[in-house]
Protein backbone atom coordinates (compact mmCIF):
# COMPACT_ATOMS: atom_id res chain seq x y z
CA MET A 1 38.13 -14.20 -5.88
CA SER A 2 38.88 -13.40 -9.52
CA ARG A 3 37.90 -10.11 -11.11
CA SER A 4 35.14 -11.65 -13.23
CA LYS A 5 33.52 -13.26 -10.18
CA ALA A 6 33.78 -10.02 -8.21
CA PHE A 7 32.25 -8.09 -11.10
CA LEU A 8 29.41 -10.61 -11.41
CA PHE A 9 28.79 -10.39 -7.66
CA VAL A 10 28.56 -6.59 -7.83
CA VAL A 11 26.19 -6.75 -10.82
CA VAL A 12 23.89 -9.27 -9.12
CA LEU A 13 23.94 -7.27 -5.89
CA GLY A 14 23.09 -4.12 -7.83
CA CYS A 15 20.18 -5.84 -9.56
CA PHE A 16 18.75 -6.97 -6.24
CA TRP A 17 19.13 -3.45 -4.85
CA LEU A 18 17.29 -1.96 -7.86
CA LEU A 19 14.53 -4.56 -7.60
CA PHE A 20 14.11 -3.81 -3.90
CA ARG A 21 13.93 -0.05 -4.58
CA TYR A 22 11.37 -0.64 -7.35
CA LEU A 23 9.12 -2.83 -5.21
CA GLU A 24 9.38 -0.55 -2.19
CA GLY A 25 6.82 1.94 -3.54
CA GLY A 26 4.32 -0.74 -4.52
CA GLU A 27 2.00 -0.20 -1.58
CA GLN A 28 1.55 3.50 -2.37
CA THR A 29 0.85 2.65 -6.01
CA MET A 30 -1.74 0.03 -5.08
CA ALA A 31 -3.49 2.51 -2.77
CA LEU A 32 -3.64 5.03 -5.60
CA ILE A 33 -5.07 2.43 -7.98
CA ALA A 34 -7.69 1.40 -5.43
CA THR A 35 -8.64 5.05 -4.84
CA THR A 36 -9.04 5.62 -8.57
CA LEU A 37 -11.24 2.53 -8.93
CA ILE A 38 -13.43 3.66 -6.03
CA VAL A 39 -13.88 7.15 -7.50
CA ARG A 40 -14.82 5.66 -10.87
CA GLY A 41 -17.33 3.32 -9.23
CA LYS A 42 -15.53 0.12 -10.21
CA MET A 43 -14.67 -0.90 -6.64
CA ALA A 44 -16.20 -0.46 -3.21
CA PHE A 45 -14.18 0.69 -0.21
CA SER A 46 -15.12 -2.56 1.53
CA GLU A 47 -13.23 -4.46 -1.19
CA VAL A 48 -9.93 -2.71 -0.42
CA PRO A 49 -7.41 -4.95 1.38
CA THR A 50 -7.08 -4.08 5.06
CA THR A 51 -3.40 -3.22 4.65
CA LEU A 52 -4.32 -0.40 2.26
CA LYS A 53 -7.50 0.93 3.87
CA ASP A 54 -5.82 3.69 5.89
CA GLN A 55 -3.96 5.02 2.85
CA VAL A 56 -7.03 4.84 0.63
CA ARG A 57 -9.17 6.54 3.29
CA GLN A 58 -6.60 9.35 3.51
CA MET A 59 -6.46 9.74 -0.27
CA LEU A 60 -10.25 9.91 -0.51
CA ASN A 61 -10.30 12.53 2.25
CA ASP A 62 -7.60 14.53 0.47
CA ILE A 63 -9.73 14.82 -2.67
CA ASP A 64 -12.95 15.48 -0.72
CA MET A 65 -14.50 12.16 -1.73
CA ASP A 66 -14.84 10.71 1.76
CA GLN A 67 -18.58 10.21 1.15
CA LEU A 68 -17.60 7.19 -0.97
CA ILE A 69 -16.31 5.51 2.19
CA GLU A 70 -19.59 6.11 4.01
CA GLU A 71 -21.87 5.17 1.08
CA LYS A 72 -20.23 1.79 0.51
CA ALA A 73 -20.00 1.01 4.23
CA LYS A 74 -23.81 1.17 4.70
């Protein structure tokens, strides 16, 4: 393999690694956004995707806003 092809391979591999690292924290960010929307009254806990409900529930408990889970569930 020539040097230019090896360099291109390393650059592409590095880009994929950076993209993977960037997307890895996406679930935590989405849970934080959902929590913020719930606190502001723009979203109900029942509207949160099931994959994020545990994280959002924990975040609401951490800021003593767990009553928002109960109010919207009724």
